[in-house]
């Protein structure tokens, strides 16, 4: 099973839609699949990310890559962690 890159998002997040074209090409390079997590469904995530989404991570909400980022920045962030 492929590892997941988590996109912390919520309904109507226009910046999240802008982030996706930067994320998609990087997924294949690292053998990841995208999992979207709605922060509105988790009080802790809402408190942490309400003003900073879109945010991507590998599962540890204290170690994330925060928007704005481009493909190269995301790839660098992932390279340091995988």
PDB file of N, CA and C in Angstrom:
ATOM      1  N   UNK A   1       0.847  -1.198   0.000  1.00  0.00           N
ATOM      2  CA  UNK A   1       0.000   0.000   0.000  1.00  0.00           C
ATOM      3  C   UNK A   1       0.880   1.245   0.000  1.00  0.00           C
ATOM      4  N   UNK A   2       0.521   2.193  -0.848  1.00  0.00           N
ATOM      5  CA  UNK A   2       1.294   3.426  -0.968  1.00  0.00           C
ATOM      6  C   UNK A   2       1.145   4.276   0.290  1.00  0.00           C
ATOM      7  N   UNK A   3       2.211   4.953   0.627  1.00  0.00           N
ATOM      8  CA  UNK A   3       2.128   5.909   1.733  1.00  0.00           C
ATOM      9  C   UNK A   3       1.224   7.062   1.317  1.00  0.00           C
ATOM     10  N   UNK A   4       0.722   7.751   2.310  1.00  0.00           N
ATOM     11  CA  UNK A   4      -0.216   8.841   2.044  1.00  0.00           C
ATOM     12  C   UNK A   4       0.411  10.196   2.306  1.00  0.00           C
ATOM     13  N   UNK A   5       0.080  11.125   1.428  1.00  0.00           N
ATOM     14  CA  UNK A   5       0.340  12.531   1.691  1.00  0.00           C
ATOM     15  C   UNK A   5      -1.015  13.106   2.072  1.00  0.00           C
ATOM     16  N   UNK A   6      -1.097  13.658   3.253  1.00  0.00           N
ATOM     17  CA  UNK A   6      -2.369  14.174   3.749  1.00  0.00           C
ATOM     18  C   UNK A   6      -2.485  15.649   3.410  1.00  0.00           C
ATOM     19  N   UNK A   7      -3.603  16.003   2.803  1.00  0.00           N
ATOM     20  CA  UNK A   7      -3.932  17.403   2.549  1.00  0.00           C
ATOM     21  C   UNK A   7      -4.990  17.795   3.569  1.00  0.00           C
ATOM     22  N   UNK A   8      -4.589  18.642   4.497  1.00  0.00           N
ATOM     23  CA  UNK A   8      -5.538  19.170   5.478  1.00  0.00           C
ATOM     24  C   UNK A   8      -6.285  20.307   4.800  1.00  0.00           C
ATOM     25  N   UNK A   9      -7.601  20.188   4.731  1.00  0.00           N
ATOM     26  CA  UNK A   9      -8.429  21.088   3.948  1.00  0.00           C
ATOM     27  C   UNK A   9      -9.776  21.252   4.631  1.00  0.00           C
ATOM     28  N   UNK A  10     -10.673  21.984   4.010  1.00  0.00           N
ATOM     29  CA  UNK A  10     -12.067  22.048   4.437  1.00  0.00           C
ATOM     30  C   UNK A  10     -12.908  22.509   3.263  1.00  0.00           C
ATOM     31  N   UNK A  11     -14.196  22.328   3.366  1.00  0.00           N
ATOM     32  CA  UNK A  11     -15.129  22.673   2.305  1.00  0.00           C
ATOM     33  C   UNK A  11     -14.979  24.143   1.922  1.00  0.00           C
ATOM     34  N   UNK A  12     -14.870  24.393   0.626  1.00  0.00           N
ATOM     35  CA  UNK A  12     -14.806  25.765   0.139  1.00  0.00           C
ATOM     36  C   UNK A  12     -13.444  26.415   0.238  1.00  0.00           C
ATOM     37  N   UNK A  13     -12.408  25.651   0.480  1.00  0.00           N
ATOM     38  CA  UNK A  13     -11.053  26.201   0.590  1.00  0.00           C
ATOM     39  C   UNK A  13     -10.489  26.446  -0.807  1.00  0.00           C
ATOM     40  N   UNK A  14     -10.525  27.693  -1.273  1.00  0.00           N
ATOM     41  CA  UNK A  14     -10.046  27.997  -2.619  1.00  0.00           C
ATOM     42  C   UNK A  14      -8.525  27.862  -2.726  1.00  0.00           C
ATOM     43  N   UNK A  15      -7.808  28.173  -1.666  1.00  0.00           N
ATOM     44  CA  UNK A  15      -6.356  27.996  -1.703  1.00  0.00           C
ATOM     45  C   UNK A  15      -5.995  26.521  -1.814  1.00  0.00           C
ATOM     46  N   UNK A  16      -6.807  25.643  -1.220  1.00  0.00           N
ATOM     47  CA  UNK A  16      -6.569  24.207  -1.318  1.00  0.00           C
ATOM     48  C   UNK A  16      -6.663  23.761  -2.774  1.00  0.00           C
ATOM     49  N   UNK A  17      -7.617  24.316  -3.514  1.00  0.00           N
ATOM     50  CA  UNK A  17      -7.750  23.984  -4.925  1.00  0.00           C
ATOM     51  C   UNK A  17      -6.535  24.481  -5.708  1.00  0.00           C
ATOM     52  N   UNK A  18      -5.970  25.619  -5.315  1.00  0.00           N
ATOM     53  CA  UNK A  18      -4.764  26.136  -5.971  1.00  0.00           C
ATOM     54  C   UNK A  18      -3.550  25.282  -5.639  1.00  0.00           C
ATOM     55  N   UNK A  19      -3.550  24.644  -4.481  1.00  0.00           N
ATOM     56  CA  UNK A  19      -2.409  23.818  -4.075  1.00  0.00           C
ATOM     57  C   UNK A  19      -2.370  22.490  -4.813  1.00  0.00           C
ATOM     58  N   UNK A  20      -3.516  21.964  -5.186  1.00  0.00           N
ATOM     59  CA  UNK A  20      -3.568  20.623  -5.780  1.00  0.00           C
ATOM     60  C   UNK A  20      -2.706  20.469  -7.036  1.00  0.00           C
ATOM     61  N   UNK A  21      -2.679  21.436  -7.966  1.00  0.00           N
ATOM     62  CA  UNK A  21      -1.800  21.273  -9.132  1.00  0.00           C
ATOM     63  C   UNK A  21      -0.311  21.212  -8.764  1.00  0.00           C
ATOM     64  N   UNK A  22       0.055  21.751  -7.626  1.00  0.00           N
ATOM     65  CA  UNK A  22       1.436  21.654  -7.154  1.00  0.00           C
ATOM     66  C   UNK A  22       1.687  20.288  -6.507  1.00  0.00           C
ATOM     67  N   UNK A  23       0.651  19.701  -5.936  1.00  0.00           N
ATOM     68  CA  UNK A  23       0.773  18.432  -5.215  1.00  0.00           C
ATOM     69  C   UNK A  23       0.768  17.232  -6.154  1.00  0.00           C
ATOM     70  N   UNK A  24      -0.153  17.201  -7.126  1.00  0.00           N
ATOM     71  CA  UNK A  24      -0.356  16.006  -7.956  1.00  0.00           C
ATOM     72  C   UNK A  24       0.931  15.465  -8.577  1.00  0.00           C
ATOM     73  N   UNK A  25       1.764  16.302  -9.238  1.00  0.00           N
ATOM     74  CA  UNK A  25       2.966  15.746  -9.885  1.00  0.00           C
ATOM     75  C   UNK A  25       3.956  15.133  -8.890  1.00  0.00           C
ATOM     76  N   UNK A  26       3.980  15.640  -7.672  1.00  0.00           N
ATOM     77  CA  UNK A  26       4.933  15.176  -6.665  1.00  0.00           C
ATOM     78  C   UNK A  26       4.528  13.807  -6.110  1.00  0.00           C
ATOM     79  N   UNK A  27       3.239  13.512  -6.105  1.00  0.00           N
ATOM     80  CA  UNK A  27       2.761  12.235  -5.568  1.00  0.00           C
ATOM     81  C   UNK A  27       3.420  11.049  -6.262  1.00  0.00           C
ATOM     82  N   UNK A  28       3.429  11.074  -7.581  1.00  0.00           N
ATOM     83  CA  UNK A  28       3.962   9.949  -8.341  1.00  0.00           C
ATOM     84  C   UNK A  28       5.462   9.791  -8.107  1.00  0.00           C
ATOM     85  N   UNK A  29       6.171  10.900  -8.049  1.00  0.00           N
ATOM     86  CA  UNK A  29       7.623  10.860  -7.841  1.00  0.00           C
ATOM     87  C   UNK A  29       7.969  10.121  -6.548  1.00  0.00           C
ATOM     88  N   UNK A  30       7.175  10.341  -5.505  1.00  0.00           N
ATOM     89  CA  UNK A  30       7.463   9.759  -4.199  1.00  0.00           C
ATOM     90  C   UNK A  30       6.630   8.507  -3.898  1.00  0.00           C
ATOM     91  N   UNK A  31       5.808   8.076  -4.855  1.00  0.00           N
ATOM     92  CA  UNK A  31       4.994   6.888  -4.641  1.00  0.00           C
ATOM     93  C   UNK A  31       3.947   7.079  -3.558  1.00  0.00           C
ATOM     94  N   UNK A  32       3.371   8.262  -3.537  1.00  0.00           N
ATOM     95  CA  UNK A  32       2.378   8.599  -2.517  1.00  0.00           C
ATOM     96  C   UNK A  32       0.992   8.669  -3.138  1.00  0.00           C
ATOM     97  N   UNK A  33      -0.013   8.514  -2.286  1.00  0.00           N
ATOM     98  CA  UNK A  33      -1.377   8.810  -2.729  1.00  0.00           C
ATOM     99  C   UNK A  33      -1.924   9.906  -1.825  1.00  0.00           C
ATOM    100  N   UNK A  34      -2.801  10.729  -2.386  1.00  0.00           N
ATOM    101  CA  UNK A  34      -3.334  11.868  -1.653  1.00  0.00           C
ATOM    102  C   UNK A  34      -4.541  11.460  -0.824  1.00  0.00           C
ATOM    103  N   UNK A  35      -4.527  11.859   0.425  1.00  0.00           N
ATOM    104  CA  UNK A  35      -5.672  11.676   1.309  1.00  0.00           C
ATOM    105  C   UNK A  35      -6.070  13.059   1.807  1.00  0.00           C
ATOM    106  N   UNK A  36      -7.329  13.427   1.580  1.00  0.00           N
ATOM    107  CA  UNK A  36      -7.802  14.718   2.041  1.00  0.00           C
ATOM    108  C   UNK A  36      -8.492  14.546   3.387  1.00  0.00           C
ATOM    109  N   UNK A  37      -8.114  15.387   4.332  1.00  0.00           N
ATOM    110  CA  UNK A  37      -8.689  15.354   5.671  1.00  0.00           C
ATOM    111  C   UNK A  37      -9.348  16.713   5.925  1.00  0.00           C
ATOM    112  N   UNK A  38     -10.639  16.670   6.234  1.00  0.00           N
ATOM    113  CA  UNK A  38     -11.391  17.896   6.517  1.00  0.00           C
ATOM    114  C   UNK A  38     -11.152  18.297   7.968  1.00  0.00           C
ATOM    115  N   UNK A  39     -10.494  19.437   8.160  1.00  0.00           N
ATOM    116  CA  UNK A  39     -10.155  19.870   9.522  1.00  0.00           C
ATOM    117  C   UNK A  39     -11.396  20.201  10.341  1.00  0.00           C
ATOM    118  N   UNK A  40     -12.512  20.499   9.676  1.00  0.00           N
ATOM    119  CA  UNK A  40     -13.739  20.848  10.397  1.00  0.00           C
ATOM    120  C   UNK A  40     -14.289  19.657  11.178  1.00  0.00           C
ATOM    121  N   UNK A  41     -13.832  18.449  10.839  1.00  0.00           N
ATOM    122  CA  UNK A  41     -14.321  17.243  11.502  1.00  0.00           C
ATOM    123  C   UNK A  41     -13.481  16.852  12.715  1.00  0.00           C
ATOM    124  N   UNK A  42     -12.451  17.644  13.018  1.00  0.00           N
ATOM    125  CA  UNK A  42     -11.556  17.326  14.139  1.00  0.00           C
ATOM    126  C   UNK A  42     -11.192  18.614  14.878  1.00  0.00           C
ATOM    127  N   UNK A  43     -11.620  18.699  16.116  1.00  0.00           N
ATOM    128  CA  UNK A  43     -11.415  19.920  16.906  1.00  0.00           C
ATOM    129  C   UNK A  43      -9.936  20.300  17.012  1.00  0.00           C
ATOM    130  N   UNK A  44      -9.080  19.300  17.214  1.00  0.00           N
ATOM    131  CA  UNK A  44      -7.652  19.565  17.334  1.00  0.00           C
ATOM    132  C   UNK A  44      -7.049  20.093  16.049  1.00  0.00           C
ATOM    133  N   UNK A  45      -7.429  19.475  14.919  1.00  0.00           N
ATOM    134  CA  UNK A  45      -6.926  19.950  13.629  1.00  0.00           C
ATOM    135  C   UNK A  45      -7.465  21.330  13.305  1.00  0.00           C
ATOM    136  N   UNK A  46      -8.716  21.572  13.661  1.00  0.00           N
ATOM    137  CA  UNK A  46      -9.315  22.883  13.419  1.00  0.00           C
ATOM    138  C   UNK A  46      -8.552  23.955  14.192  1.00  0.00           C
ATOM    139  N   UNK A  47      -8.249  23.667  15.450  1.00  0.00           N
ATOM    140  CA  UNK A  47      -7.513  24.628  16.277  1.00  0.00           C
ATOM    141  C   UNK A  47      -6.118  24.886  15.698  1.00  0.00           C
ATOM    142  N   UNK A  48      -5.480  23.829  15.199  1.00  0.00           N
ATOM    143  CA  UNK A  48      -4.110  23.943  14.693  1.00  0.00           C
ATOM    144  C   UNK A  48      -4.035  24.612  13.321  1.00  0.00           C
ATOM    145  N   UNK A  49      -4.967  24.264  12.412  1.00  0.00           N
ATOM    146  CA  UNK A  49      -4.822  24.666  11.013  1.00  0.00           C
ATOM    147  C   UNK A  49      -5.872  25.637  10.476  1.00  0.00           C
ATOM    148  N   UNK A  50      -6.781  26.126  11.296  1.00  0.00           N
ATOM    149  CA  UNK A  50      -7.893  26.953  10.809  1.00  0.00           C
ATOM    150  C   UNK A  50      -7.426  28.140   9.974  1.00  0.00           C
ATOM    151  N   UNK A  51      -6.291  28.735  10.326  1.00  0.00           N
ATOM    152  CA  UNK A  51      -5.833  29.920   9.604  1.00  0.00           C
ATOM    153  C   UNK A  51      -4.656  29.638   8.682  1.00  0.00           C
ATOM    154  N   UNK A  52      -4.303  28.360   8.506  1.00  0.00           N
ATOM    155  CA  UNK A  52      -3.116  28.082   7.694  1.00  0.00           C
ATOM    156  C   UNK A  52      -3.338  27.093   6.546  1.00  0.00           C
ATOM    157  N   UNK A  53      -4.556  26.541   6.388  1.00  0.00           N
ATOM    158  CA  UNK A  53      -4.758  25.594   5.298  1.00  0.00           C
ATOM    159  C   UNK A  53      -4.643  26.314   3.959  1.00  0.00           C
ATOM    160  N   UNK A  54      -4.176  25.640   2.925  1.00  0.00           N
ATOM    161  CA  UNK A  54      -3.858  24.227   2.849  1.00  0.00           C
ATOM    162  C   UNK A  54      -2.508  23.888   3.481  1.00  0.00           C
ATOM    163  N   UNK A  55      -2.490  22.723   4.076  1.00  0.00           N
ATOM    164  CA  UNK A  55      -1.297  22.189   4.724  1.00  0.00           C
ATOM    165  C   UNK A  55      -1.203  20.728   4.313  1.00  0.00           C
ATOM    166  N   UNK A  56       0.011  20.254   4.035  1.00  0.00           N
ATOM    167  CA  UNK A  56       0.193  18.838   3.729  1.00  0.00           C
ATOM    168  C   UNK A  56       1.161  18.222   4.722  1.00  0.00           C
ATOM    169  N   UNK A  57       0.992  16.934   4.965  1.00  0.00           N
ATOM    170  CA  UNK A  57       1.871  16.241   5.892  1.00  0.00           C
ATOM    171  C   UNK A  57       1.832  14.746   5.651  1.00  0.00           C
ATOM    172  N   UNK A  58       2.637  14.056   6.425  1.00  0.00           N
ATOM    173  CA  UNK A  58       2.727  12.598   6.297  1.00  0.00           C
ATOM    174  C   UNK A  58       2.066  11.876   7.460  1.00  0.00           C
ATOM    175  N   UNK A  59       1.357  12.608   8.305  1.00  0.00           N
ATOM    176  CA  UNK A  59       0.640  11.980   9.405  1.00  0.00           C
ATOM    177  C   UNK A  59       0.885  12.634  10.752  1.00  0.00           C
ATOM    178  N   UNK A  60       2.021  13.306  10.900  1.00  0.00           N
ATOM    179  CA  UNK A  60       2.327  14.014  12.141  1.00  0.00           C
ATOM    180  C   UNK A  60       1.886  15.465  11.976  1.00  0.00           C
ATOM    181  N   UNK A  61       0.788  15.889  12.636  1.00  0.00           N
ATOM    182  CA  UNK A  61       0.298  17.252  12.428  1.00  0.00           C
ATOM    183  C   UNK A  61       1.230  18.342  12.956  1.00  0.00           C
ATOM    184  N   UNK A  62       2.297  17.956  13.634  1.00  0.00           N
ATOM    185  CA  UNK A  62       3.264  18.974  14.084  1.00  0.00           C
ATOM    186  C   UNK A  62       4.400  19.140  13.076  1.00  0.00           C
ATOM    187  N   UNK A  63       4.439  18.300  12.047  1.00  0.00           N
ATOM    188  CA  UNK A  63       5.474  18.382  11.012  1.00  0.00           C
ATOM    189  C   UNK A  63       4.778  18.442   9.664  1.00  0.00           C
ATOM    190  N   UNK A  64       4.528  19.664   9.192  1.00  0.00           N
ATOM    191  CA  UNK A  64       3.755  19.857   7.967  1.00  0.00           C
ATOM    192  C   UNK A  64       4.414  20.889   7.060  1.00  0.00           C
ATOM    193  N   UNK A  65       4.014  20.845   5.817  1.00  0.00           N
ATOM    194  CA  UNK A  65       4.428  21.827   4.819  1.00  0.00           C
ATOM    195  C   UNK A  65       3.221  22.739   4.584  1.00  0.00           C
ATOM    196  N   UNK A  66       3.393  24.016   4.890  1.00  0.00           N
ATOM    197  CA  UNK A  66       2.287  24.977   4.872  1.00  0.00           C
ATOM    198  C   UNK A  66       2.312  25.803   3.583  1.00  0.00           C
ATOM    199  N   UNK A  67       1.146  26.002   2.999  1.00  0.00           N
ATOM    200  CA  UNK A  67       0.978  26.850   1.824  1.00  0.00           C
ATOM    201  C   UNK A  67       1.410  28.263   2.156  1.00  0.00           C
ATOM    202  N   UNK A  68       2.058  29.000   1.264  1.00  0.00           N
ATOM    203  CA  UNK A  68       2.276  28.677  -0.136  1.00  0.00           C
ATOM    204  C   UNK A  68       3.534  27.834  -0.351  1.00  0.00           C
ATOM    205  N   UNK A  69       3.411  26.847  -1.243  1.00  0.00           N
ATOM    206  CA  UNK A  69       4.555  26.034  -1.662  1.00  0.00           C
ATOM    207  C   UNK A  69       4.373  25.694  -3.131  1.00  0.00           C
ATOM    208  N   UNK A  70       5.481  25.420  -3.797  1.00  0.00           N
ATOM    209  CA  UNK A  70       5.393  24.956  -5.181  1.00  0.00           C
ATOM    210  C   UNK A  70       5.893  23.510  -5.232  1.00  0.00           C
ATOM    211  N   UNK A  71       5.889  22.928  -6.414  1.00  0.00           N
ATOM    212  CA  UNK A  71       6.288  21.522  -6.545  1.00  0.00           C
ATOM    213  C   UNK A  71       7.689  21.278  -5.993  1.00  0.00           C
ATOM    214  N   UNK A  72       8.621  22.170  -6.301  1.00  0.00           N
ATOM    215  CA  UNK A  72      10.012  21.990  -5.863  1.00  0.00           C
ATOM    216  C   UNK A  72      10.119  22.068  -4.344  1.00  0.00           C
ATOM    217  N   UNK A  73       9.425  23.013  -3.744  1.00  0.00           N
ATOM    218  CA  UNK A  73       9.473  23.145  -2.279  1.00  0.00           C
ATOM    219  C   UNK A  73       8.855  21.929  -1.600  1.00  0.00           C
ATOM    220  N   UNK A  74       7.750  21.443  -2.154  1.00  0.00           N
ATOM    221  CA  UNK A  74       7.105  20.257  -1.592  1.00  0.00           C
ATOM    222  C   UNK A  74       8.016  19.041  -1.752  1.00  0.00           C
ATOM    223  N   UNK A  75       8.647  18.904  -2.917  1.00  0.00           N
ATOM    224  CA  UNK A  75       9.556  17.790  -3.152  1.00  0.00           C
ATOM    225  C   UNK A  75      10.739  17.843  -2.175  1.00  0.00           C
ATOM    226  N   UNK A  76      11.270  19.023  -1.935  1.00  0.00           N
ATOM    227  CA  UNK A  76      12.369  19.176  -0.976  1.00  0.00           C
ATOM    228  C   UNK A  76      11.917  18.766   0.426  1.00  0.00           C
ATOM    229  N   UNK A  77      10.720  19.198   0.799  1.00  0.00           N
ATOM    230  CA  UNK A  77      10.184  18.872   2.121  1.00  0.00           C
ATOM    231  C   UNK A  77      10.030  17.356   2.269  1.00  0.00           C
ATOM    232  N   UNK A  78       9.490  16.727   1.235  1.00  0.00           N
ATOM    233  CA  UNK A  78       9.311  15.270   1.272  1.00  0.00           C
ATOM    234  C   UNK A  78      10.649  14.540   1.259  1.00  0.00           C
ATOM    235  N   UNK A  79      11.598  15.006   0.479  1.00  0.00           N
ATOM    236  CA  UNK A  79      12.910  14.365   0.408  1.00  0.00           C
ATOM    237  C   UNK A  79      13.583  14.315   1.771  1.00  0.00           C
ATOM    238  N   UNK A  80      13.370  15.348   2.560  1.00  0.00           N
ATOM    239  CA  UNK A  80      13.975  15.412   3.882  1.00  0.00           C
ATOM    240  C   UNK A  80      13.306  14.446   4.861  1.00  0.00           C
ATOM    241  N   UNK A  81      12.134  13.907   4.503  1.00  0.00           N
ATOM    242  CA  UNK A  81      11.369  13.090   5.439  1.00  0.00           C
ATOM    243  C   UNK A  81      11.177  11.637   4.991  1.00  0.00           C
ATOM    244  N   UNK A  82      11.391  11.372   3.728  1.00  0.00           N
ATOM    245  CA  UNK A  82      11.176  10.001   3.231  1.00  0.00           C
ATOM    246  C   UNK A  82      12.491   9.317   2.896  1.00  0.00           C
TER     247      UNK A  82
END
